[in-house]
Amino acid sequence: MSSDWVDTKKLASSLQINERELTNWLNHIPAAVDEPVATEEEATPSTLFLDKNGIKVFQEDFLNTARLAPSSIDLIVTSPPYNVGIDYITHNDANEYESYLEFSKRWLTKSYEVSRPDGRLCMNIPLDKNKGGQQSVCADLTHIAKQIGWHYHSTIIWNEGNISRRTAWGSWMSASAPFVIAPVEVIVVMYKEHWKKHKRPSQKSDIERNEFMAWTNGVWTFNGESKKKVGHPAPFPRELPKRCIKLFSFVGEMVLDPFMGSGTTLLEAYANQRQGIGFDIALDYCRLAQKRLNGLWSHEQLKLL
């Protein structure tokens, strides 16, 4: 493993070790630490890209995959495309709204099929949107999910502290046609058949008392994530999947992100002792998720020095 992507000076200081020794150690980590199942040349849009430490990354379209057994997923945490013109590598994020709703119906149906009877869904989506015409995104996707068979549990309001500066006002200081924009996103929480989880051989919860009390309050306030820092056009912060995973799943359960992107859900699945599966069509995003996961695993190794 190369030390090129690690801030060795900062990391060495935090670990209180010599930077030269740290750099030498990083450069001599066995290749298996960050070796994907498929090489870049071999990877095609139907590839097991990474399989390590209970985490699997597939470069594959979730809508068409046959890799997941029916009723096998405990929790889905995902932020699907918003259809607001985000510049993804492969996905067209500026479809007609009816096409977007049809796409949403397809992935929600697939998610329902692979979820356990007590499986849960945490869907991070906009409350609404103005770009391309006003649309009630949250209401529409929730309605579609319920038609499929998902049951509604609750909606968490995510008050994103660093939301982008507004540029669209409609009719400025006039009743003619002003725009009202809510500077929040939502996490819609749903379940397949039963909200109360079935009895498991092991039902270990790792949520702390203060976390449980704070996170069961349906308004969450924390900053969004930097696109530039992560290297993805629409990342969500690790705090979001962390809360969903600890609040809505037991230790050891299977967490799925059908639109993995930069791999944030998988990072938190591993960090909180869950298994994780992620899908993405774009090779670059699979590589980015792999890089972030390898960074997490390498940091764990360093702490053992």
C-alpha atoms as a PDB file:
ATOM      1  CA  MET A   1       0.000   0.000   0.000  1.00  0.00           C
ATOM      2  CA  SER A   2       1.283   3.449  -0.894  1.00  0.00           C
ATOM      3  CA  SER A   3       1.413   6.227   1.700  1.00  0.00           C
ATOM      4  CA  ASP A   4       0.596   8.830  -0.983  1.00  0.00           C
ATOM      5  CA  TRP A   5      -3.052   9.218   0.038  1.00  0.00           C
ATOM      6  CA  VAL A   6      -2.300   9.445   3.791  1.00  0.00           C
ATOM      7  CA  ASP A   7      -1.405  12.693   5.560  1.00  0.00           C
ATOM      8  CA  THR A   8       1.541  10.988   7.284  1.00  0.00           C
ATOM      9  CA  LYS A   9       2.653  14.060   9.203  1.00  0.00           C
ATOM     10  CA  LYS A  10      -0.746  14.596  10.789  1.00  0.00           C
ATOM     11  CA  LEU A  11      -1.332  10.882  11.409  1.00  0.00           C
ATOM     12  CA  ALA A  12       2.117  10.346  12.901  1.00  0.00           C
ATOM     13  CA  SER A  13       1.569  13.271  15.238  1.00  0.00           C
ATOM     14  CA  SER A  14      -1.796  11.952  16.417  1.00  0.00           C
ATOM     15  CA  LEU A  15      -0.290   8.492  17.020  1.00  0.00           C
ATOM     16  CA  GLN A  16       2.859   9.991  18.599  1.00  0.00           C
ATOM     17  CA  ILE A  17       5.248   8.045  16.389  1.00  0.00           C
ATOM     18  CA  ASN A  18       8.034   9.010  13.977  1.00  0.00           C
ATOM     19  CA  GLU A  19       6.749  10.090  10.533  1.00  0.00           C
ATOM     20  CA  ARG A  20       9.555   8.283   8.685  1.00  0.00           C
ATOM     21  CA  GLU A  21       8.783   5.016  10.472  1.00  0.00           C
ATOM     22  CA  LEU A  22       5.075   5.445   9.724  1.00  0.00           C
ATOM     23  CA  THR A  23       5.735   6.078   5.998  1.00  0.00           C
ATOM     24  CA  ASN A  24       7.988   3.044   5.785  1.00  0.00           C
ATOM     25  CA  TRP A  25       5.361   0.882   7.493  1.00  0.00           C
ATOM     26  CA  LEU A  26       2.587   2.042   5.167  1.00  0.00           C
ATOM     27  CA  ASN A  27       4.682   1.339   2.087  1.00  0.00           C
ATOM     28  CA  HIS A  28       5.295  -2.225   3.255  1.00  0.00           C
ATOM     29  CA  ILE A  29       1.757  -3.250   4.137  1.00  0.00           C
ATOM     30  CA  PRO A  30       1.019  -6.457   2.189  1.00  0.00           C
ATOM     31  CA  ALA A  31      -0.794  -5.855  -1.075  1.00  0.00           C
ATOM     32  CA  ALA A  32      -3.830  -7.821   0.113  1.00  0.00           C
ATOM     33  CA  VAL A  33      -4.832  -4.898   2.333  1.00  0.00           C
ATOM     34  CA  ASP A  34      -6.119  -2.889  -0.598  1.00  0.00           C
ATOM     35  CA  GLU A  35      -6.360  -5.452  -3.330  1.00  0.00           C
ATOM     36  CA  PRO A  36      -9.813  -5.607  -4.959  1.00  0.00           C
ATOM     37  CA  VAL A  37     -11.404  -8.839  -6.034  1.00  0.00           C
ATOM     38  CA  ALA A  38     -11.350  -7.506  -9.609  1.00  0.00           C
ATOM     39  CA  THR A  39      -8.632  -5.387 -11.197  1.00  0.00           C
ATOM     40  CA  GLU A  40      -9.568  -2.165 -12.960  1.00  0.00           C
ATOM     41  CA  GLU A  41      -9.105  -3.867 -16.320  1.00  0.00           C
ATOM     42  CA  GLU A  42     -11.251  -6.843 -15.304  1.00  0.00           C
ATOM     43  CA  ALA A  43     -14.031  -4.868 -13.617  1.00  0.00           C
ATOM     44  CA  THR A  44     -17.247  -4.779 -15.628  1.00  0.00           C
ATOM     45  CA  PRO A  45     -20.741  -3.621 -14.634  1.00  0.00           C
ATOM     46  CA  SER A  46     -21.438  -7.001 -12.984  1.00  0.00           C
ATOM     47  CA  THR A  47     -18.452  -7.580 -10.724  1.00  0.00           C
ATOM     48  CA  LEU A  48     -17.788  -8.429  -7.092  1.00  0.00           C
ATOM     49  CA  PHE A  49     -15.386  -5.558  -6.645  1.00  0.00           C
ATOM     50  CA  LEU A  50     -14.454  -6.011  -2.974  1.00  0.00           C
ATOM     51  CA  ASP A  51     -15.110  -8.730  -0.400  1.00  0.00           C
ATOM     52  CA  LYS A  52     -13.398  -8.211   2.937  1.00  0.00           C
ATOM     53  CA  ASN A  53     -14.140  -7.932   6.668  1.00  0.00           C
ATOM     54  CA  GLY A  54     -17.843  -8.610   6.176  1.00  0.00           C
ATOM     55  CA  ILE A  55     -18.160  -5.864   3.539  1.00  0.00           C
ATOM     56  CA  LYS A  56     -19.013  -6.498  -0.119  1.00  0.00           C
ATOM     57  CA  VAL A  57     -18.923  -3.977  -2.959  1.00  0.00           C
ATOM     58  CA  PHE A  58     -20.527  -4.806  -6.295  1.00  0.00           C
ATOM     59  CA  GLN A  59     -20.018  -2.832  -9.480  1.00  0.00           C
ATOM     60  CA  GLU A  60     -23.475  -3.653 -10.689  1.00  0.00           C
ATOM     61  CA  ASP A  61     -26.912  -2.154 -11.244  1.00  0.00           C
ATOM     62  CA  PHE A  62     -28.963  -2.907  -8.131  1.00  0.00           C
ATOM     63  CA  LEU A  63     -32.146  -2.958 -10.217  1.00  0.00           C
ATOM     64  CA  ASN A  64     -30.923  -5.945 -12.212  1.00  0.00           C
ATOM     65  CA  THR A  65     -28.873  -7.876  -9.674  1.00  0.00           C
ATOM     66  CA  ALA A  66     -29.608 -11.484  -8.782  1.00  0.00           C
ATOM     67  CA  ARG A  67     -26.946 -11.641  -6.074  1.00  0.00           C
ATOM     68  CA  LEU A  68     -29.218 -10.976  -3.104  1.00  0.00           C
ATOM     69  CA  ALA A  69     -31.471 -13.697  -1.757  1.00  0.00           C
ATOM     70  CA  PRO A  70     -35.100 -12.771  -1.049  1.00  0.00           C
ATOM     71  CA  SER A  71     -35.741 -11.714   2.557  1.00  0.00           C
ATOM     72  CA  SER A  72     -32.039 -11.472   3.433  1.00  0.00           C
ATOM     73  CA  ILE A  73     -31.471  -7.795   4.349  1.00  0.00           C
ATOM     74  CA  ASP A  74     -32.049  -6.383   7.826  1.00  0.00           C
ATOM     75  CA  LEU A  75     -31.638  -2.673   7.115  1.00  0.00           C
ATOM     76  CA  ILE A  76     -31.370  -0.493   4.013  1.00  0.00           C
ATOM     77  CA  VAL A  77     -29.747   2.915   4.442  1.00  0.00           C
ATOM     78  CA  THR A  78     -29.496   4.884   1.224  1.00  0.00           C
ATOM     79  CA  SER A  79     -29.712   8.240  -0.471  1.00  0.00           C
ATOM     80  CA  PRO A  80     -31.078   7.551  -3.957  1.00  0.00           C
ATOM     81  CA  PRO A  81     -30.624   9.994  -6.845  1.00  0.00           C
ATOM     82  CA  TYR A  82     -32.634  13.191  -6.260  1.00  0.00           C
ATOM     83  CA  ASN A  83     -33.313  13.989  -9.943  1.00  0.00           C
ATOM     84  CA  VAL A  84     -32.059  17.552  -9.545  1.00  0.00           C
ATOM     85  CA  GLY A  85     -29.318  17.527 -12.180  1.00  0.00           C
ATOM     86  CA  ILE A  86     -26.404  16.261 -10.065  1.00  0.00           C
ATOM     87  CA  ASP A  87     -23.419  15.415 -12.253  1.00  0.00           C
ATOM     88  CA  TYR A  88     -23.026  11.676 -11.620  1.00  0.00           C
ATOM     89  CA  ILE A  89     -20.603   9.656 -13.756  1.00  0.00           C
ATOM     90  CA  THR A  90     -23.201   7.254 -15.171  1.00  0.00           C
ATOM     91  CA  HIS A  91     -26.704   8.145 -13.926  1.00  0.00           C
ATOM     92  CA  ASN A  92     -28.870  10.757 -15.661  1.00  0.00           C
ATOM     93  CA  ASP A  93     -30.115  12.890 -12.768  1.00  0.00           C
ATOM     94  CA  ALA A  94     -32.357  15.145 -14.868  1.00  0.00           C
ATOM     95  CA  ASN A  95     -35.159  12.877 -16.078  1.00  0.00           C
ATOM     96  CA  GLU A  96     -38.786  13.832 -16.481  1.00  0.00           C
ATOM     97  CA  TYR A  97     -40.459  13.601 -13.089  1.00  0.00           C
ATOM     98  CA  GLU A  98     -42.732  10.721 -14.125  1.00  0.00           C
ATOM     99  CA  SER A  99     -39.664   8.763 -15.278  1.00  0.00           C
ATOM    100  CA  TYR A 100     -37.989   9.488 -11.957  1.00  0.00           C
ATOM    101  CA  LEU A 101     -41.021   8.156 -10.077  1.00  0.00           C
ATOM    102  CA  GLU A 102     -41.007   4.995 -12.205  1.00  0.00           C
ATOM    103  CA  PHE A 103     -37.293   4.526 -11.459  1.00  0.00           C
ATOM    104  CA  SER A 104     -38.051   5.011  -7.749  1.00  0.00           C
ATOM    105  CA  LYS A 105     -40.812   2.422  -7.907  1.00  0.00           C
ATOM    106  CA  ARG A 106     -38.380  -0.105  -9.400  1.00  0.00           C
ATOM    107  CA  TRP A 107     -35.679   0.274  -6.758  1.00  0.00           C
ATOM    108  CA  LEU A 108     -38.183   0.402  -3.899  1.00  0.00           C
ATOM    109  CA  THR A 109     -39.767  -2.822  -5.199  1.00  0.00           C
ATOM    110  CA  LYS A 110     -36.382  -4.534  -5.427  1.00  0.00           C
ATOM    111  CA  SER A 111     -35.521  -3.330  -1.918  1.00  0.00           C
ATOM    112  CA  TYR A 112     -38.795  -4.719  -0.601  1.00  0.00           C
ATOM    113  CA  GLU A 113     -38.125  -8.121  -2.154  1.00  0.00           C
ATOM    114  CA  VAL A 114     -34.667  -8.540  -0.599  1.00  0.00           C
ATOM    115  CA  SER A 115     -35.675  -7.280   2.866  1.00  0.00           C
ATOM    116  CA  ARG A 116     -36.518  -9.605   5.734  1.00  0.00           C
ATOM    117  CA  PRO A 117     -40.133  -9.552   7.007  1.00  0.00           C
ATOM    118  CA  ASP A 118     -38.936  -7.239   9.811  1.00  0.00           C
ATOM    119  CA  GLY A 119     -36.529  -5.426   7.499  1.00  0.00           C
ATOM    120  CA  ARG A 120     -36.315  -1.653   7.628  1.00  0.00           C
ATOM    121  CA  LEU A 121     -35.652   1.135   5.159  1.00  0.00           C
ATOM    122  CA  CYS A 122     -34.051   4.517   5.902  1.00  0.00           C
ATOM    123  CA  MET A 123     -34.477   6.641   2.772  1.00  0.00           C
ATOM    124  CA  ASN A 124     -32.638  10.000   2.696  1.00  0.00           C
ATOM    125  CA  ILE A 125     -34.450  12.191   0.156  1.00  0.00           C
ATOM    126  CA  PRO A 126     -35.453  15.839  -0.337  1.00  0.00           C
ATOM    127  CA  LEU A 127     -38.614  17.106   1.296  1.00  0.00           C
ATOM    128  CA  ASP A 128     -39.468  18.708  -2.031  1.00  0.00           C
ATOM    129  CA  LYS A 129     -37.780  20.335  -5.001  1.00  0.00           C
ATOM    130  CA  ASN A 130     -38.127  23.452  -7.116  1.00  0.00           C
ATOM    131  CA  LYS A 131     -35.648  22.762  -9.890  1.00  0.00           C
ATOM    132  CA  GLY A 132     -37.567  21.807 -13.015  1.00  0.00           C
ATOM    133  CA  GLY A 133     -40.872  22.621 -11.334  1.00  0.00           C
ATOM    134  CA  GLN A 134     -42.154  22.221  -7.797  1.00  0.00           C
ATOM    135  CA  GLN A 135     -42.589  18.595  -6.748  1.00  0.00           C
ATOM    136  CA  SER A 136     -43.452  16.929  -3.434  1.00  0.00           C
ATOM    137  CA  VAL A 137     -40.646  14.358  -3.585  1.00  0.00           C
ATOM    138  CA  CYS A 138     -40.975  13.010  -0.049  1.00  0.00           C
ATOM    139  CA  ALA A 139     -44.753  12.630  -0.254  1.00  0.00           C
ATOM    140  CA  ASP A 140     -44.598  11.017  -3.700  1.00  0.00           C
ATOM    141  CA  LEU A 141     -41.870   8.468  -2.871  1.00  0.00           C
ATOM    142  CA  THR A 142     -43.526   7.601   0.438  1.00  0.00           C
ATOM    143  CA  HIS A 143     -46.818   7.004  -1.390  1.00  0.00           C
ATOM    144  CA  ILE A 144     -45.113   4.764  -3.962  1.00  0.00           C
ATOM    145  CA  ALA A 145     -43.355   2.783  -1.226  1.00  0.00           C
ATOM    146  CA  LYS A 146     -46.655   2.206   0.566  1.00  0.00           C
ATOM    147  CA  GLN A 147     -48.278   1.017  -2.667  1.00  0.00           C
ATOM    148  CA  ILE A 148     -45.467  -1.539  -3.030  1.00  0.00           C
ATOM    149  CA  GLY A 149     -46.077  -2.869   0.473  1.00  0.00           C
ATOM    150  CA  TRP A 150     -43.727  -0.891   2.679  1.00  0.00           C
ATOM    151  CA  HIS A 151     -45.292   0.318   5.933  1.00  0.00           C
ATOM    152  CA  TYR A 152     -44.667   3.846   7.138  1.00  0.00           C
ATOM    153  CA  HIS A 153     -43.048   4.346  10.548  1.00  0.00           C
ATOM    154  CA  SER A 154     -41.789   7.918  10.804  1.00  0.00           C
ATOM    155  CA  THR A 155     -39.988  10.797   9.138  1.00  0.00           C
ATOM    156  CA  ILE A 156     -36.797  12.273  10.551  1.00  0.00           C
ATOM    157  CA  ILE A 157     -36.049  15.872   9.609  1.00  0.00           C
ATOM    158  CA  TRP A 158     -32.377  16.430   8.877  1.00  0.00           C
ATOM    159  CA  ASN A 159     -31.540  20.073   9.544  1.00  0.00           C
ATOM    160  CA  GLU A 160     -28.379  20.333   7.479  1.00  0.00           C
ATOM    161  CA  GLY A 161     -26.321  23.144   8.993  1.00  0.00           C
ATOM    162  CA  ASN A 162     -24.225  23.998   5.927  1.00  0.00           C
ATOM    163  CA  ILE A 163     -26.892  23.909   3.231  1.00  0.00           C
ATOM    164  CA  SER A 164     -26.027  25.759   0.046  1.00  0.00           C
ATOM    165  CA  ARG A 165     -26.724  29.474  -0.230  1.00  0.00           C
ATOM    166  CA  ARG A 166     -30.095  30.198  -1.825  1.00  0.00           C
ATOM    167  CA  THR A 167     -30.201  31.616  -5.329  1.00  0.00           C
ATOM    168  CA  ALA A 168     -33.846  31.051  -6.301  1.00  0.00           C
ATOM    169  CA  TRP A 169     -36.404  33.406  -4.760  1.00  0.00           C
ATOM    170  CA  GLY A 170     -39.139  33.468  -7.389  1.00  0.00           C
ATOM    171  CA  SER A 171     -40.720  36.910  -7.390  1.00  0.00           C
ATOM    172  CA  TRP A 172     -38.417  38.947  -5.117  1.00  0.00           C
ATOM    173  CA  MET A 173     -40.353  40.680  -2.333  1.00  0.00           C
ATOM    174  CA  SER A 174     -43.606  40.275  -4.252  1.00  0.00           C
ATOM    175  CA  ALA A 175     -46.694  38.137  -3.814  1.00  0.00           C
ATOM    176  CA  SER A 176     -46.651  37.477  -7.561  1.00  0.00           C
ATOM    177  CA  ALA A 177     -44.824  34.097  -7.459  1.00  0.00           C
ATOM    178  CA  PRO A 178     -42.400  33.700  -4.517  1.00  0.00           C
ATOM    179  CA  PHE A 179     -40.583  30.405  -3.892  1.00  0.00           C
ATOM    180  CA  VAL A 180     -40.747  28.817  -0.424  1.00  0.00           C
ATOM    181  CA  ILE A 181     -37.793  26.479   0.121  1.00  0.00           C
ATOM    182  CA  ALA A 182     -37.314  24.347   3.244  1.00  0.00           C
ATOM    183  CA  PRO A 183     -33.558  24.104   3.993  1.00  0.00           C
ATOM    184  CA  VAL A 184     -33.852  20.513   5.210  1.00  0.00           C
ATOM    185  CA  GLU A 185     -33.789  16.939   3.960  1.00  0.00           C
ATOM    186  CA  VAL A 186     -35.664  13.970   5.366  1.00  0.00           C
ATOM    187  CA  ILE A 187     -35.005  10.364   6.299  1.00  0.00           C
ATOM    188  CA  VAL A 188     -38.191   8.372   5.760  1.00  0.00           C
ATOM    189  CA  VAL A 189     -38.230   5.270   7.981  1.00  0.00           C
ATOM    190  CA  MET A 190     -40.302   2.318   6.768  1.00  0.00           C
ATOM    191  CA  TYR A 191     -40.585  -1.422   7.413  1.00  0.00           C
ATOM    192  CA  LYS A 192     -41.664  -4.465   5.410  1.00  0.00           C
ATOM    193  CA  GLU A 193     -44.171  -6.410   7.508  1.00  0.00           C
ATOM    194  CA  HIS A 194     -43.436  -6.066  11.234  1.00  0.00           C
ATOM    195  CA  TRP A 195     -41.908  -3.093  13.040  1.00  0.00           C
ATOM    196  CA  LYS A 196     -40.916  -5.132  16.092  1.00  0.00           C
ATOM    197  CA  LYS A 197     -37.953  -7.304  15.219  1.00  0.00           C
ATOM    198  CA  HIS A 198     -38.312 -11.061  15.346  1.00  0.00           C
ATOM    199  CA  LYS A 199     -36.404 -12.976  17.996  1.00  0.00           C
ATOM    200  CA  ARG A 200     -32.746 -13.466  17.035  1.00  0.00           C
ATOM    201  CA  PRO A 201     -30.113 -15.812  18.511  1.00  0.00           C
ATOM    202  CA  SER A 202     -28.216 -12.617  19.315  1.00  0.00           C
ATOM    203  CA  GLN A 203     -29.942  -9.280  19.771  1.00  0.00           C
ATOM    204  CA  LYS A 204     -27.119  -7.029  20.867  1.00  0.00           C
ATOM    205  CA  SER A 205     -27.740  -3.308  20.690  1.00  0.00           C
ATOM    206  CA  ASP A 206     -24.747  -0.985  20.929  1.00  0.00           C
ATOM    207  CA  ILE A 207     -26.523   2.353  21.178  1.00  0.00           C
ATOM    208  CA  GLU A 208     -25.682   4.472  24.220  1.00  0.00           C
ATOM    209  CA  ARG A 209     -28.333   6.026  26.465  1.00  0.00           C
ATOM    210  CA  ASN A 210     -27.551   9.592  25.400  1.00  0.00           C
ATOM    211  CA  GLU A 211     -27.570   8.572  21.728  1.00  0.00           C
ATOM    212  CA  PHE A 212     -30.930   6.832  22.054  1.00  0.00           C
ATOM    213  CA  MET A 213     -32.529   9.819  23.767  1.00  0.00           C
ATOM    214  CA  ALA A 214     -31.146  12.300  21.242  1.00  0.00           C
ATOM    215  CA  TRP A 215     -31.715  10.273  18.087  1.00  0.00           C
ATOM    216  CA  THR A 216     -35.306   9.280  18.845  1.00  0.00           C
ATOM    217  CA  ASN A 217     -36.041  12.997  18.639  1.00  0.00           C
ATOM    218  CA  GLY A 218     -37.182  13.327  15.029  1.00  0.00           C
ATOM    219  CA  VAL A 219     -35.136  16.436  14.230  1.00  0.00           C
ATOM    220  CA  TRP A 220     -31.438  15.776  13.591  1.00  0.00           C
ATOM    221  CA  THR A 221     -29.016  18.672  13.253  1.00  0.00           C
ATOM    222  CA  PHE A 222     -25.542  18.108  11.830  1.00  0.00           C
ATOM    223  CA  ASN A 223     -23.591  19.389   8.861  1.00  0.00           C
ATOM    224  CA  GLY A 224     -23.606  17.864   5.408  1.00  0.00           C
ATOM    225  CA  GLU A 225     -20.477  16.450   3.797  1.00  0.00           C
ATOM    226  CA  SER A 226     -18.019  18.208   1.483  1.00  0.00           C
ATOM    227  CA  LYS A 227     -18.139  17.056  -2.143  1.00  0.00           C
ATOM    228  CA  LYS A 228     -14.524  18.119  -2.637  1.00  0.00           C
ATOM    229  CA  LYS A 229     -13.292  16.332   0.468  1.00  0.00           C
ATOM    230  CA  VAL A 230     -14.949  13.025  -0.377  1.00  0.00           C
ATOM    231  CA  GLY A 231     -14.621  13.171  -4.155  1.00  0.00           C
ATOM    232  CA  HIS A 232     -18.284  12.454  -4.931  1.00  0.00           C
ATOM    233  CA  PRO A 233     -20.959  14.876  -6.204  1.00  0.00           C
ATOM    234  CA  ALA A 234     -23.556  14.000  -3.550  1.00  0.00           C
ATOM    235  CA  PRO A 235     -22.067  12.428  -0.403  1.00  0.00           C
ATOM    236  CA  PHE A 236     -23.894  12.285   2.888  1.00  0.00           C
ATOM    237  CA  PRO A 237     -21.998  12.588   6.188  1.00  0.00           C
ATOM    238  CA  ARG A 238     -21.055   9.516   8.183  1.00  0.00           C
ATOM    239  CA  GLU A 239     -23.249  10.721  11.032  1.00  0.00           C
ATOM    240  CA  LEU A 240     -26.404   9.938   9.038  1.00  0.00           C
ATOM    241  CA  PRO A 241     -25.880   6.198   8.415  1.00  0.00           C
ATOM    242  CA  LYS A 242     -24.222   5.841  11.819  1.00  0.00           C
ATOM    243  CA  ARG A 243     -27.409   6.966  13.577  1.00  0.00           C
ATOM    244  CA  CYS A 244     -29.674   4.855  11.372  1.00  0.00           C
ATOM    245  CA  ILE A 245     -27.522   1.746  11.795  1.00  0.00           C
ATOM    246  CA  LYS A 246     -27.194   1.967  15.581  1.00  0.00           C
ATOM    247  CA  LEU A 247     -30.822   2.947  16.115  1.00  0.00           C
ATOM    248  CA  PHE A 248     -32.520   0.488  13.751  1.00  0.00           C
ATOM    249  CA  SER A 249     -30.311  -2.645  13.643  1.00  0.00           C
ATOM    250  CA  PHE A 250     -28.593  -5.105  15.944  1.00  0.00           C
ATOM    251  CA  VAL A 251     -24.857  -5.788  15.970  1.00  0.00           C
ATOM    252  CA  GLY A 252     -23.939  -8.289  13.249  1.00  0.00           C
ATOM    253  CA  GLU A 253     -26.959  -7.660  11.027  1.00  0.00           C
ATOM    254  CA  MET A 254     -26.837  -7.077   7.265  1.00  0.00           C
ATOM    255  CA  VAL A 255     -26.971  -3.470   5.997  1.00  0.00           C
ATOM    256  CA  LEU A 256     -27.510  -2.654   2.315  1.00  0.00           C
ATOM    257  CA  ASP A 257     -26.947   0.519   0.313  1.00  0.00           C
ATOM    258  CA  PRO A 258     -28.262   0.045  -3.248  1.00  0.00           C
ATOM    259  CA  PHE A 259     -26.762   3.414  -4.303  1.00  0.00           C
ATOM    260  CA  MET A 260     -23.431   3.132  -2.516  1.00  0.00           C
ATOM    261  CA  GLY A 261     -21.608   6.088  -4.089  1.00  0.00           C
ATOM    262  CA  SER A 262     -18.555   6.868  -1.964  1.00  0.00           C
ATOM    263  CA  GLY A 263     -19.276   3.998   0.439  1.00  0.00           C
ATOM    264  CA  THR A 264     -20.289   5.990   3.519  1.00  0.00           C
ATOM    265  CA  THR A 265     -22.967   3.495   4.612  1.00  0.00           C
ATOM    266  CA  LEU A 266     -20.444   0.654   4.350  1.00  0.00           C
ATOM    267  CA  LEU A 267     -17.893   2.584   6.421  1.00  0.00           C
ATOM    268  CA  GLU A 268     -20.404   2.934   9.234  1.00  0.00           C
ATOM    269  CA  ALA A 269     -21.647  -0.642   8.870  1.00  0.00           C
ATOM    270  CA  TYR A 270     -18.111  -1.916   9.448  1.00  0.00           C
ATOM    271  CA  ALA A 271     -17.288   0.663  12.141  1.00  0.00           C
ATOM    272  CA  ASN A 272     -20.383  -0.437  14.082  1.00  0.00           C
ATOM    273  CA  GLN A 273     -19.862  -4.197  13.696  1.00  0.00           C
ATOM    274  CA  ARG A 274     -22.472  -4.855  11.022  1.00  0.00           C
ATOM    275  CA  GLN A 275     -22.113  -6.610   7.704  1.00  0.00           C
ATOM    276  CA  GLY A 276     -22.483  -4.406   4.637  1.00  0.00           C
ATOM    277  CA  ILE A 277     -23.326  -4.701   0.949  1.00  0.00           C
ATOM    278  CA  GLY A 278     -23.104  -1.847  -1.540  1.00  0.00           C
ATOM    279  CA  PHE A 279     -23.957  -1.505  -5.226  1.00  0.00           C
ATOM    280  CA  ASP A 280     -22.871   1.107  -7.733  1.00  0.00           C
ATOM    281  CA  ILE A 281     -22.662   1.099 -11.512  1.00  0.00           C
ATOM    282  CA  ALA A 282     -19.708   3.486 -11.733  1.00  0.00           C
ATOM    283  CA  LEU A 283     -16.239   1.956 -11.468  1.00  0.00           C
ATOM    284  CA  ASP A 284     -14.791   5.222 -10.125  1.00  0.00           C
ATOM    285  CA  TYR A 285     -17.243   5.210  -7.215  1.00  0.00           C
ATOM    286  CA  CYS A 286     -16.435   1.568  -6.426  1.00  0.00           C
ATOM    287  CA  ARG A 287     -12.766   2.487  -6.367  1.00  0.00           C
ATOM    288  CA  LEU A 288     -13.516   5.489  -4.128  1.00  0.00           C
ATOM    289  CA  ALA A 289     -15.476   3.315  -1.677  1.00  0.00           C
ATOM    290  CA  GLN A 290     -12.649   0.787  -1.673  1.00  0.00           C
ATOM    291  CA  LYS A 291     -10.095   3.500  -0.963  1.00  0.00           C
ATOM    292  CA  ARG A 292     -12.094   4.867   1.959  1.00  0.00           C
ATOM    293  CA  LEU A 293     -12.652   1.396   3.422  1.00  0.00           C
ATOM    294  CA  ASN A 294      -8.958   0.560   3.084  1.00  0.00           C
ATOM    295  CA  GLY A 295      -8.139   3.808   4.842  1.00  0.00           C
ATOM    296  CA  LEU A 296     -10.375   2.811   7.748  1.00  0.00           C
ATOM    297  CA  TRP A 297      -8.849  -0.671   7.948  1.00  0.00           C
ATOM    298  CA  SER A 298      -5.287   0.660   7.723  1.00  0.00           C
ATOM    299  CA  HIS A 299      -5.968   3.125  10.518  1.00  0.00           C
ATOM    300  CA  GLU A 300      -7.154   0.227  12.681  1.00  0.00           C
ATOM    301  CA  GLN A 301      -3.885  -1.601  11.977  1.00  0.00           C
ATOM    302  CA  LEU A 302      -1.882   1.474  12.920  1.00  0.00           C
ATOM    303  CA  LYS A 303      -3.651   1.679  16.268  1.00  0.00           C
ATOM    304  CA  LEU A 304      -2.357  -1.820  17.015  1.00  0.00           C
ATOM    305  CA  LEU A 305       1.291  -0.761  16.601  1.00  0.00           C
END
